[in-house]
Amino acid sequence: MLENSFRLVWLEAVGTVFMILFGFGLHFAFALLASWTPVALVAAVNESIWEHLKLAFWPGLFWAYLMPLLPQVSRRDILSSKGVSLATTAVFIVTAFSAYTAVLGYNLLAVDIGIFVAAVCVGQSVSILLLVYKNETYKLIHVFGLVLLGLQVAAYSTFTFSPPDHWLFIEAQSGVRGIPTR
């Protein structure tokens, strides 16, 4: 068990680096691929908070499929833990960004990047905790995580193409929602 825990921590640490680097790449992918609509599903299409949440979500989900299995850790366990951990990452980003920009009145790129990195680290830590410490409430968390993951996939797949009129989806400087028109 202890050996598996150390290996799990190591794998999730690798996953943290993967998610951060892949997320940074996705920030620029839509523009670099000449606004190719299919890539809008996973890449940021504008500078709204919502679009930046995708930069952690899709690499995290991709990592869940790449992550080698350990004895006593099933693919379902990994996916359910990612459902909770990726939602935690998103909540952390929205909360931290909203709090500091409310205080300052503007955003700073270095702080935004720091929040992204910290949020991925926090989310990955939640994933480790859920995978290592299984107890009697784990089945409930397991179902909750899978449902939460499904809801996130649906939301991230829908709201880039059909964003609600809500501050989370609106680019602050330009007022753009969703995919910008050319």
N, C-alpha and C. Protein backbone atom coordinates (compact mmCIF):
# COMPACT_ATOMS: atom_id res chain seq x y z
N MET A 1 0.83 -1.21 0.00
CA MET A 1 0.00 0.00 0.00
C MET A 1 0.86 1.26 0.00
N LEU A 2 1.89 1.29 0.89
CA LEU A 2 2.75 2.46 0.99
C LEU A 2 3.51 2.69 -0.31
N GLU A 3 4.00 1.61 -0.90
CA GLU A 3 4.72 1.72 -2.17
C GLU A 3 3.80 2.29 -3.26
N ASN A 4 2.56 1.80 -3.30
CA ASN A 4 1.60 2.33 -4.27
C ASN A 4 1.30 3.81 -4.01
N SER A 5 1.25 4.20 -2.74
CA SER A 5 0.99 5.60 -2.41
C SER A 5 2.11 6.49 -2.93
N PHE A 6 3.35 6.06 -2.73
CA PHE A 6 4.49 6.85 -3.23
C PHE A 6 4.47 6.92 -4.76
N ARG A 7 4.15 5.80 -5.39
CA ARG A 7 4.09 5.80 -6.86
C ARG A 7 2.95 6.69 -7.34
N LEU A 8 1.83 6.68 -6.64
CA LEU A 8 0.70 7.52 -7.00
C LEU A 8 1.06 9.00 -6.87
N VAL A 9 1.72 9.36 -5.79
CA VAL A 9 2.16 10.76 -5.61
C VAL A 9 3.10 11.15 -6.74
N TRP A 10 4.04 10.27 -7.07
CA TRP A 10 4.98 10.56 -8.15
C TRP A 10 4.24 10.73 -9.49
N LEU A 11 3.30 9.82 -9.77
CA LEU A 11 2.53 9.92 -11.02
C LEU A 11 1.72 11.22 -11.08
N GLU A 12 1.10 11.59 -9.99
CA GLU A 12 0.31 12.83 -9.97
C GLU A 12 1.21 14.06 -10.04
N ALA A 13 2.44 13.97 -9.53
CA ALA A 13 3.39 15.07 -9.68
C ALA A 13 3.76 15.23 -11.15
N VAL A 14 4.00 14.11 -11.83
CA VAL A 14 4.25 14.17 -13.28
C VAL A 14 3.02 14.74 -13.99
N GLY A 15 1.84 14.31 -13.54
CA GLY A 15 0.60 14.82 -14.11
C GLY A 15 0.44 16.32 -13.90
N THR A 16 0.89 16.82 -12.77
CA THR A 16 0.83 18.26 -12.51
C THR A 16 1.66 19.03 -13.53
N VAL A 17 2.88 18.58 -13.75
CA VAL A 17 3.75 19.23 -14.75
C VAL A 17 3.13 19.11 -16.13
N PHE A 18 2.62 17.94 -16.47
CA PHE A 18 1.96 17.72 -17.76
C PHE A 18 0.80 18.70 -17.94
N MET A 19 -0.06 18.81 -16.92
CA MET A 19 -1.24 19.67 -17.02
C MET A 19 -0.85 21.14 -17.18
N ILE A 20 0.16 21.57 -16.45
CA ILE A 20 0.59 22.97 -16.54
C ILE A 20 1.16 23.26 -17.92
N LEU A 21 2.05 22.41 -18.41
CA LEU A 21 2.65 22.65 -19.73
C LEU A 21 1.63 22.54 -20.85
N PHE A 22 0.78 21.52 -20.80
CA PHE A 22 -0.25 21.32 -21.82
C PHE A 22 -1.24 22.49 -21.76
N GLY A 23 -1.58 22.92 -20.56
CA GLY A 23 -2.50 24.06 -20.39
C GLY A 23 -1.93 25.34 -20.98
N PHE A 24 -0.65 25.58 -20.75
CA PHE A 24 -0.02 26.77 -21.35
C PHE A 24 -0.08 26.69 -22.88
N GLY A 25 0.16 25.51 -23.41
CA GLY A 25 0.08 25.35 -24.87
C GLY A 25 -1.33 25.59 -25.40
N LEU A 26 -2.32 25.11 -24.67
CA LEU A 26 -3.71 25.30 -25.10
C LEU A 26 -4.14 26.77 -25.07
N HIS A 27 -3.45 27.56 -24.27
CA HIS A 27 -3.79 28.98 -24.22
C HIS A 27 -3.60 29.63 -25.59
N PHE A 28 -2.61 29.16 -26.33
CA PHE A 28 -2.28 29.77 -27.61
C PHE A 28 -2.72 28.94 -28.81
N ALA A 29 -3.21 27.74 -28.59
CA ALA A 29 -3.50 26.81 -29.69
C ALA A 29 -4.55 27.34 -30.66
N PHE A 30 -5.61 27.96 -30.17
CA PHE A 30 -6.68 28.43 -31.06
C PHE A 30 -6.14 29.49 -32.02
N ALA A 31 -5.37 30.43 -31.51
CA ALA A 31 -4.80 31.47 -32.37
C ALA A 31 -3.75 30.89 -33.32
N LEU A 32 -2.91 29.99 -32.81
CA LEU A 32 -1.86 29.41 -33.65
C LEU A 32 -2.43 28.54 -34.77
N LEU A 33 -3.60 27.97 -34.54
CA LEU A 33 -4.23 27.12 -35.56
C LEU A 33 -5.28 27.90 -36.37
N ALA A 34 -5.06 29.20 -36.47
CA ALA A 34 -5.89 30.09 -37.30
C ALA A 34 -7.37 30.00 -36.96
N SER A 35 -7.68 29.97 -35.67
CA SER A 35 -9.07 29.94 -35.19
C SER A 35 -9.87 28.77 -35.74
N TRP A 36 -9.22 27.63 -35.86
CA TRP A 36 -9.87 26.43 -36.36
C TRP A 36 -10.91 25.98 -35.33
N THR A 37 -12.16 25.97 -35.71
CA THR A 37 -13.28 25.76 -34.79
C THR A 37 -13.19 24.46 -33.97
N PRO A 38 -12.80 23.32 -34.52
CA PRO A 38 -12.75 22.10 -33.69
C PRO A 38 -11.82 22.22 -32.47
N VAL A 39 -10.74 22.98 -32.58
CA VAL A 39 -9.82 23.10 -31.46
C VAL A 39 -10.41 23.99 -30.36
N ALA A 40 -11.47 24.73 -30.67
CA ALA A 40 -12.13 25.58 -29.68
C ALA A 40 -12.70 24.76 -28.53
N LEU A 41 -12.97 23.51 -28.76
CA LEU A 41 -13.49 22.65 -27.70
C LEU A 41 -12.53 22.59 -26.51
N VAL A 42 -11.23 22.52 -26.78
CA VAL A 42 -10.26 22.33 -25.70
C VAL A 42 -9.37 23.54 -25.44
N ALA A 43 -9.24 24.44 -26.39
CA ALA A 43 -8.32 25.58 -26.25
C ALA A 43 -9.10 26.85 -25.90
N ALA A 44 -8.40 27.79 -25.29
CA ALA A 44 -9.02 29.08 -24.96
C ALA A 44 -9.25 29.86 -26.25
N VAL A 45 -10.48 30.35 -26.43
CA VAL A 45 -10.82 31.12 -27.63
C VAL A 45 -10.89 32.61 -27.36
N ASN A 46 -10.89 32.98 -26.08
CA ASN A 46 -10.85 34.39 -25.70
C ASN A 46 -10.23 34.48 -24.31
N GLU A 47 -10.23 35.65 -23.72
CA GLU A 47 -9.58 35.85 -22.42
C GLU A 47 -10.56 35.82 -21.25
N SER A 48 -11.74 35.22 -21.43
CA SER A 48 -12.69 35.11 -20.31
C SER A 48 -12.17 34.09 -19.29
N ILE A 49 -12.69 34.19 -18.09
CA ILE A 49 -12.31 33.25 -17.04
C ILE A 49 -12.68 31.83 -17.46
N TRP A 50 -13.87 31.66 -18.02
CA TRP A 50 -14.34 30.33 -18.43
C TRP A 50 -13.35 29.65 -19.37
N GLU A 51 -12.90 30.39 -20.35
CA GLU A 51 -11.99 29.80 -21.34
C GLU A 51 -10.68 29.35 -20.69
N HIS A 52 -10.28 30.04 -19.63
CA HIS A 52 -9.04 29.65 -18.95
C HIS A 52 -9.23 28.44 -18.05
N LEU A 53 -10.47 28.16 -17.67
CA LEU A 53 -10.72 26.94 -16.88
C LEU A 53 -10.48 25.70 -17.73
N LYS A 54 -10.74 25.80 -19.03
CA LYS A 54 -10.52 24.66 -19.93
C LYS A 54 -9.04 24.27 -19.99
N LEU A 55 -8.16 25.23 -19.71
CA LEU A 55 -6.72 24.98 -19.80
C LEU A 55 -6.24 24.01 -18.72
N ALA A 56 -6.99 23.88 -17.66
CA ALA A 56 -6.67 22.89 -16.64
C ALA A 56 -7.52 21.63 -16.82
N PHE A 57 -8.77 21.81 -17.23
CA PHE A 57 -9.69 20.67 -17.30
C PHE A 57 -9.27 19.64 -18.34
N TRP A 58 -9.12 20.04 -19.59
CA TRP A 58 -8.85 19.05 -20.64
C TRP A 58 -7.50 18.35 -20.46
N PRO A 59 -6.42 19.06 -20.10
CA PRO A 59 -5.18 18.32 -19.81
C PRO A 59 -5.33 17.36 -18.63
N GLY A 60 -6.12 17.76 -17.61
CA GLY A 60 -6.34 16.88 -16.47
C GLY A 60 -7.10 15.62 -16.86
N LEU A 61 -8.11 15.79 -17.71
CA LEU A 61 -8.86 14.62 -18.17
C LEU A 61 -7.99 13.74 -19.05
N PHE A 62 -7.21 14.35 -19.91
CA PHE A 62 -6.29 13.60 -20.77
C PHE A 62 -5.28 12.83 -19.91
N TRP A 63 -4.77 13.48 -18.87
CA TRP A 63 -3.83 12.80 -17.97
C TRP A 63 -4.49 11.59 -17.30
N ALA A 64 -5.75 11.72 -16.94
CA ALA A 64 -6.46 10.60 -16.31
C ALA A 64 -6.47 9.37 -17.22
N TYR A 65 -6.51 9.58 -18.51
CA TYR A 65 -6.47 8.45 -19.45
C TYR A 65 -5.06 7.96 -19.72
N LEU A 66 -4.08 8.85 -19.62
CA LEU A 66 -2.69 8.45 -19.83
C LEU A 66 -2.08 7.76 -18.62
N MET A 67 -2.57 8.12 -17.45
CA MET A 67 -1.98 7.67 -16.19
C MET A 67 -2.00 6.14 -16.09
N PRO A 68 -0.83 5.56 -15.89
CA PRO A 68 -0.79 4.10 -15.74
C PRO A 68 -1.55 3.67 -14.49
N LEU A 69 -2.14 2.52 -14.57
CA LEU A 69 -2.90 2.01 -13.42
C LEU A 69 -1.96 1.35 -12.41
N LEU A 70 -2.32 1.48 -11.17
CA LEU A 70 -1.61 0.81 -10.09
C LEU A 70 -2.48 -0.33 -9.59
N PRO A 71 -1.89 -1.31 -8.93
CA PRO A 71 -2.74 -2.31 -8.30
C PRO A 71 -3.70 -1.62 -7.33
N GLN A 72 -4.93 -2.01 -7.31
CA GLN A 72 -5.97 -1.47 -6.45
C GLN A 72 -6.43 -0.05 -6.84
N VAL A 73 -6.02 0.44 -8.00
CA VAL A 73 -6.52 1.73 -8.49
C VAL A 73 -7.07 1.49 -9.89
N SER A 74 -8.37 1.58 -10.01
CA SER A 74 -9.00 1.33 -11.30
C SER A 74 -9.13 2.62 -12.10
N ARG A 75 -9.40 2.48 -13.36
CA ARG A 75 -9.63 3.65 -14.22
C ARG A 75 -10.83 4.44 -13.68
N ARG A 76 -11.85 3.74 -13.19
CA ARG A 76 -13.02 4.41 -12.63
C ARG A 76 -12.64 5.23 -11.39
N ASP A 77 -11.75 4.68 -10.54
CA ASP A 77 -11.27 5.43 -9.38
C ASP A 77 -10.56 6.71 -9.82
N ILE A 78 -9.72 6.59 -10.82
CA ILE A 78 -8.98 7.76 -11.32
C ILE A 78 -9.95 8.79 -11.87
N LEU A 79 -10.91 8.36 -12.68
CA LEU A 79 -11.86 9.31 -13.27
C LEU A 79 -12.73 9.98 -12.20
N SER A 80 -13.16 9.22 -11.21
CA SER A 80 -13.98 9.83 -10.16
C SER A 80 -13.17 10.82 -9.34
N SER A 81 -11.91 10.51 -9.07
CA SER A 81 -11.07 11.46 -8.33
C SER A 81 -10.82 12.71 -9.17
N LYS A 82 -10.67 12.54 -10.47
CA LYS A 82 -10.47 13.70 -11.35
C LYS A 82 -11.73 14.56 -11.43
N GLY A 83 -12.90 13.94 -11.34
CA GLY A 83 -14.13 14.72 -11.34
C GLY A 83 -14.14 15.73 -10.20
N VAL A 84 -13.75 15.27 -9.02
CA VAL A 84 -13.70 16.15 -7.85
C VAL A 84 -12.51 17.10 -7.93
N SER A 85 -11.34 16.57 -8.30
CA SER A 85 -10.13 17.41 -8.29
C SER A 85 -10.17 18.50 -9.36
N LEU A 86 -10.70 18.20 -10.53
CA LEU A 86 -10.77 19.22 -11.58
C LEU A 86 -11.82 20.28 -11.27
N ALA A 87 -12.89 19.90 -10.59
CA ALA A 87 -13.86 20.90 -10.12
C ALA A 87 -13.22 21.78 -9.05
N THR A 88 -12.42 21.18 -8.18
CA THR A 88 -11.71 21.94 -7.16
C THR A 88 -10.76 22.94 -7.81
N THR A 89 -10.06 22.51 -8.85
CA THR A 89 -9.16 23.39 -9.59
C THR A 89 -9.91 24.59 -10.15
N ALA A 90 -11.05 24.33 -10.77
CA ALA A 90 -11.85 25.42 -11.36
C ALA A 90 -12.35 26.39 -10.29
N VAL A 91 -12.84 25.87 -9.19
CA VAL A 91 -13.33 26.73 -8.10
C VAL A 91 -12.19 27.58 -7.55
N PHE A 92 -11.01 26.98 -7.40
CA PHE A 92 -9.84 27.71 -6.91
C PHE A 92 -9.50 28.85 -7.86
N ILE A 93 -9.47 28.59 -9.16
CA ILE A 93 -9.13 29.63 -10.14
C ILE A 93 -10.13 30.77 -10.09
N VAL A 94 -11.41 30.45 -10.15
CA VAL A 94 -12.44 31.49 -10.15
C VAL A 94 -12.39 32.31 -8.86
N THR A 95 -12.27 31.64 -7.73
CA THR A 95 -12.25 32.32 -6.44
C THR A 95 -11.02 33.22 -6.29
N ALA A 96 -9.85 32.68 -6.56
CA ALA A 96 -8.61 33.44 -6.39
C ALA A 96 -8.56 34.62 -7.37
N PHE A 97 -8.91 34.38 -8.62
CA PHE A 97 -8.88 35.46 -9.63
C PHE A 97 -9.88 36.55 -9.26
N SER A 98 -11.09 36.16 -8.93
CA SER A 98 -12.13 37.14 -8.58
C SER A 98 -11.74 37.95 -7.35
N ALA A 99 -11.15 37.28 -6.36
CA ALA A 99 -10.78 37.96 -5.12
C ALA A 99 -9.67 38.99 -5.36
N TYR A 100 -8.62 38.58 -6.03
CA TYR A 100 -7.51 39.53 -6.17
C TYR A 100 -7.83 40.65 -7.14
N THR A 101 -8.60 40.37 -8.19
CA THR A 101 -8.95 41.46 -9.11
C THR A 101 -9.99 42.40 -8.50
N ALA A 102 -10.80 41.91 -7.57
CA ALA A 102 -11.74 42.78 -6.87
C ALA A 102 -10.98 43.76 -5.98
N VAL A 103 -9.89 43.29 -5.39
CA VAL A 103 -9.09 44.15 -4.53
C VAL A 103 -8.27 45.15 -5.36
N LEU A 104 -7.59 44.66 -6.40
CA LEU A 104 -6.73 45.53 -7.20
C LEU A 104 -7.49 46.35 -8.24
N GLY A 105 -8.57 45.79 -8.76
CA GLY A 105 -9.30 46.46 -9.82
C GLY A 105 -8.79 46.12 -11.21
N TYR A 106 -7.79 45.28 -11.29
CA TYR A 106 -7.22 44.85 -12.58
C TYR A 106 -6.47 43.54 -12.34
N ASN A 107 -6.09 42.88 -13.43
CA ASN A 107 -5.35 41.63 -13.27
C ASN A 107 -3.90 41.80 -13.70
N LEU A 108 -3.06 40.94 -13.16
CA LEU A 108 -1.63 40.91 -13.47
C LEU A 108 -1.30 39.53 -14.02
N LEU A 109 -0.65 39.49 -15.16
CA LEU A 109 -0.33 38.22 -15.82
C LEU A 109 0.43 37.28 -14.90
N ALA A 110 1.42 37.77 -14.18
CA ALA A 110 2.22 36.91 -13.30
C ALA A 110 1.35 36.28 -12.21
N VAL A 111 0.41 37.03 -11.67
CA VAL A 111 -0.49 36.50 -10.64
C VAL A 111 -1.44 35.48 -11.26
N ASP A 112 -1.94 35.78 -12.47
CA ASP A 112 -2.82 34.84 -13.16
C ASP A 112 -2.14 33.50 -13.39
N ILE A 113 -0.89 33.54 -13.82
CA ILE A 113 -0.13 32.31 -14.05
C ILE A 113 0.10 31.59 -12.73
N GLY A 114 0.43 32.32 -11.69
CA GLY A 114 0.63 31.73 -10.37
C GLY A 114 -0.64 31.05 -9.86
N ILE A 115 -1.78 31.69 -10.08
CA ILE A 115 -3.06 31.10 -9.67
C ILE A 115 -3.31 29.80 -10.43
N PHE A 116 -3.03 29.80 -11.73
CA PHE A 116 -3.22 28.60 -12.54
C PHE A 116 -2.35 27.45 -12.00
N VAL A 117 -1.09 27.74 -11.76
CA VAL A 117 -0.17 26.71 -11.27
C VAL A 117 -0.61 26.22 -9.89
N ALA A 118 -0.95 27.15 -9.00
CA ALA A 118 -1.40 26.76 -7.66
C ALA A 118 -2.68 25.94 -7.72
N ALA A 119 -3.60 26.33 -8.59
CA ALA A 119 -4.88 25.61 -8.70
C ALA A 119 -4.66 24.18 -9.19
N VAL A 120 -3.78 24.00 -10.15
CA VAL A 120 -3.48 22.64 -10.63
C VAL A 120 -2.85 21.82 -9.50
N CYS A 121 -1.96 22.42 -8.75
CA CYS A 121 -1.33 21.71 -7.62
C CYS A 121 -2.36 21.32 -6.56
N VAL A 122 -3.26 22.23 -6.24
CA VAL A 122 -4.31 21.94 -5.26
C VAL A 122 -5.21 20.82 -5.78
N GLY A 123 -5.63 20.92 -7.03
CA GLY A 123 -6.48 19.89 -7.62
C GLY A 123 -5.82 18.52 -7.64
N GLN A 124 -4.56 18.48 -8.00
CA GLN A 124 -3.83 17.21 -8.02
C GLN A 124 -3.68 16.64 -6.61
N SER A 125 -3.52 17.51 -5.62
CA SER A 125 -3.45 17.05 -4.23
C SER A 125 -4.77 16.42 -3.80
N VAL A 126 -5.88 17.01 -4.22
CA VAL A 126 -7.19 16.42 -3.92
C VAL A 126 -7.31 15.04 -4.56
N SER A 127 -6.84 14.93 -5.79
CA SER A 127 -6.87 13.64 -6.48
C SER A 127 -6.08 12.58 -5.71
N ILE A 128 -4.89 12.95 -5.25
CA ILE A 128 -4.07 12.02 -4.48
C ILE A 128 -4.80 11.59 -3.20
N LEU A 129 -5.36 12.55 -2.49
CA LEU A 129 -6.06 12.22 -1.24
C LEU A 129 -7.22 11.26 -1.49
N LEU A 130 -7.97 11.50 -2.55
CA LEU A 130 -9.11 10.63 -2.84
C LEU A 130 -8.67 9.22 -3.25
N LEU A 131 -7.56 9.13 -3.94
CA LEU A 131 -7.09 7.82 -4.39
C LEU A 131 -6.38 7.04 -3.29
N VAL A 132 -5.74 7.73 -2.36
CA VAL A 132 -4.98 7.05 -1.31
C VAL A 132 -5.86 6.69 -0.12
N TYR A 133 -6.73 7.61 0.29
CA TYR A 133 -7.51 7.41 1.51
C TYR A 133 -8.94 7.02 1.19
N LYS A 134 -9.14 5.75 0.95
CA LYS A 134 -10.49 5.24 0.70
C LYS A 134 -11.08 4.81 2.04
N ASN A 135 -12.32 5.20 2.29
CA ASN A 135 -13.00 4.79 3.52
C ASN A 135 -14.46 4.49 3.21
N GLU A 136 -15.29 4.43 4.24
CA GLU A 136 -16.69 4.04 4.03
C GLU A 136 -17.49 5.06 3.21
N THR A 137 -17.06 6.30 3.19
CA THR A 137 -17.78 7.30 2.39
C THR A 137 -17.27 7.35 0.95
N TYR A 138 -16.27 6.53 0.64
CA TYR A 138 -15.66 6.59 -0.68
C TYR A 138 -16.64 6.29 -1.81
N LYS A 139 -17.55 5.35 -1.61
CA LYS A 139 -18.51 5.00 -2.67
C LYS A 139 -19.37 6.21 -3.04
N LEU A 140 -19.78 6.98 -2.05
CA LEU A 140 -20.56 8.18 -2.31
C LEU A 140 -19.72 9.21 -3.07
N ILE A 141 -18.48 9.40 -2.64
CA ILE A 141 -17.58 10.31 -3.33
C ILE A 141 -17.31 9.80 -4.74
N HIS A 142 -17.20 8.50 -4.88
CA HIS A 142 -16.94 7.88 -6.18
C HIS A 142 -18.06 8.23 -7.18
N VAL A 143 -19.29 8.04 -6.78
CA VAL A 143 -20.44 8.36 -7.64
C VAL A 143 -20.49 9.86 -7.90
N PHE A 144 -20.32 10.65 -6.85
CA PHE A 144 -20.33 12.10 -6.98
C PHE A 144 -19.26 12.56 -7.96
N GLY A 145 -18.05 12.00 -7.87
CA GLY A 145 -16.95 12.38 -8.75
C GLY A 145 -17.25 12.06 -10.21
N LEU A 146 -17.83 10.89 -10.46
CA LEU A 146 -18.16 10.52 -11.84
C LEU A 146 -19.25 11.42 -12.41
N VAL A 147 -20.26 11.72 -11.60
CA VAL A 147 -21.33 12.63 -12.04
C VAL A 147 -20.75 14.02 -12.30
N LEU A 148 -19.92 14.49 -11.39
CA LEU A 148 -19.29 15.80 -11.54
C LEU A 148 -18.42 15.86 -12.78
N LEU A 149 -17.70 14.79 -13.06
CA LEU A 149 -16.87 14.75 -14.26
C LEU A 149 -17.74 14.83 -15.51
N GLY A 150 -18.83 14.07 -15.54
CA GLY A 150 -19.74 14.13 -16.68
C GLY A 150 -20.33 15.51 -16.89
N LEU A 151 -20.71 16.16 -15.81
CA LEU A 151 -21.25 17.52 -15.91
C LEU A 151 -20.22 18.51 -16.43
N GLN A 152 -18.98 18.34 -16.00
CA GLN A 152 -17.92 19.23 -16.48
C GLN A 152 -17.64 19.01 -17.96
N VAL A 153 -17.59 17.76 -18.39
CA VAL A 153 -17.39 17.49 -19.82
C VAL A 153 -18.51 18.15 -20.63
N ALA A 154 -19.74 18.00 -20.18
CA ALA A 154 -20.88 18.61 -20.88
C ALA A 154 -20.77 20.12 -20.90
N ALA A 155 -20.42 20.72 -19.77
CA ALA A 155 -20.33 22.18 -19.70
C ALA A 155 -19.20 22.72 -20.57
N TYR A 156 -18.01 22.13 -20.46
CA TYR A 156 -16.89 22.61 -21.26
C TYR A 156 -17.10 22.35 -22.75
N SER A 157 -17.86 21.34 -23.08
CA SER A 157 -18.15 21.04 -24.48
C SER A 157 -19.22 21.95 -25.06
N THR A 158 -20.02 22.55 -24.21
CA THR A 158 -21.16 23.35 -24.67
C THR A 158 -20.90 24.85 -24.62
N PHE A 159 -20.36 25.34 -23.51
CA PHE A 159 -20.37 26.78 -23.26
C PHE A 159 -19.36 27.60 -24.06
N THR A 160 -18.41 26.98 -24.73
CA THR A 160 -17.58 27.75 -25.65
C THR A 160 -18.39 28.11 -26.88
N PHE A 161 -19.20 27.18 -27.32
CA PHE A 161 -19.98 27.37 -28.54
C PHE A 161 -21.29 28.10 -28.28
N SER A 162 -21.79 28.03 -27.08
CA SER A 162 -23.05 28.68 -26.71
C SER A 162 -22.95 29.23 -25.28
N PRO A 163 -22.15 30.29 -25.09
CA PRO A 163 -21.91 30.79 -23.73
C PRO A 163 -23.09 31.59 -23.19
N PRO A 164 -23.40 31.40 -21.92
CA PRO A 164 -24.45 32.20 -21.28
C PRO A 164 -24.01 33.66 -21.14
N ASP A 165 -24.95 34.54 -20.94
CA ASP A 165 -24.65 35.95 -20.70
C ASP A 165 -24.37 36.12 -19.21
N HIS A 166 -23.16 35.78 -18.82
CA HIS A 166 -22.74 35.80 -17.42
C HIS A 166 -21.29 36.27 -17.38
N TRP A 167 -20.91 36.97 -16.34
CA TRP A 167 -19.56 37.55 -16.25
C TRP A 167 -18.45 36.52 -16.41
N LEU A 168 -18.69 35.29 -16.01
CA LEU A 168 -17.67 34.26 -16.11
C LEU A 168 -17.28 33.98 -17.57
N PHE A 169 -18.20 34.20 -18.47
CA PHE A 169 -18.01 33.86 -19.89
C PHE A 169 -17.65 35.06 -20.76
N ILE A 170 -17.61 36.24 -20.17
CA ILE A 170 -17.39 37.47 -20.93
C ILE A 170 -15.96 37.96 -20.74
N GLU A 171 -15.29 38.21 -21.85
CA GLU A 171 -13.94 38.77 -21.81
C GLU A 171 -14.05 40.20 -21.29
N ALA A 172 -13.33 40.51 -20.23
CA ALA A 172 -13.49 41.79 -19.55
C ALA A 172 -13.20 43.00 -20.44
N GLN A 173 -12.15 42.96 -21.22
CA GLN A 173 -11.74 44.14 -21.97
C GLN A 173 -12.57 44.37 -23.24
N SER A 174 -12.95 43.29 -23.91
CA SER A 174 -13.64 43.46 -25.19
C SER A 174 -15.14 43.18 -25.12
N GLY A 175 -15.58 42.46 -24.07
CA GLY A 175 -16.98 42.09 -23.98
C GLY A 175 -17.35 40.88 -24.83
N VAL A 176 -16.36 40.23 -25.43
CA VAL A 176 -16.59 39.06 -26.28
C VAL A 176 -17.02 37.88 -25.42
N ARG A 177 -17.97 37.11 -25.94
CA ARG A 177 -18.38 35.83 -25.34
C ARG A 177 -18.21 34.77 -26.40
N GLY A 178 -17.65 33.65 -26.01
CA GLY A 178 -17.50 32.53 -26.94
C GLY A 178 -16.45 32.81 -28.00
N ILE A 179 -16.63 32.16 -29.13
CA ILE A 179 -15.66 32.26 -30.23
C ILE A 179 -15.80 33.63 -30.89
N PRO A 180 -14.71 34.40 -30.94
CA PRO A 180 -14.79 35.72 -31.57
C PRO A 180 -15.10 35.61 -33.06
N THR A 181 -15.89 36.53 -33.56
CA THR A 181 -16.15 36.57 -35.00
C THR A 181 -14.96 37.26 -35.67
N ARG A 182 -14.69 36.86 -36.87
CA ARG A 182 -13.53 37.42 -37.59
C ARG A 182 -13.85 38.73 -38.21
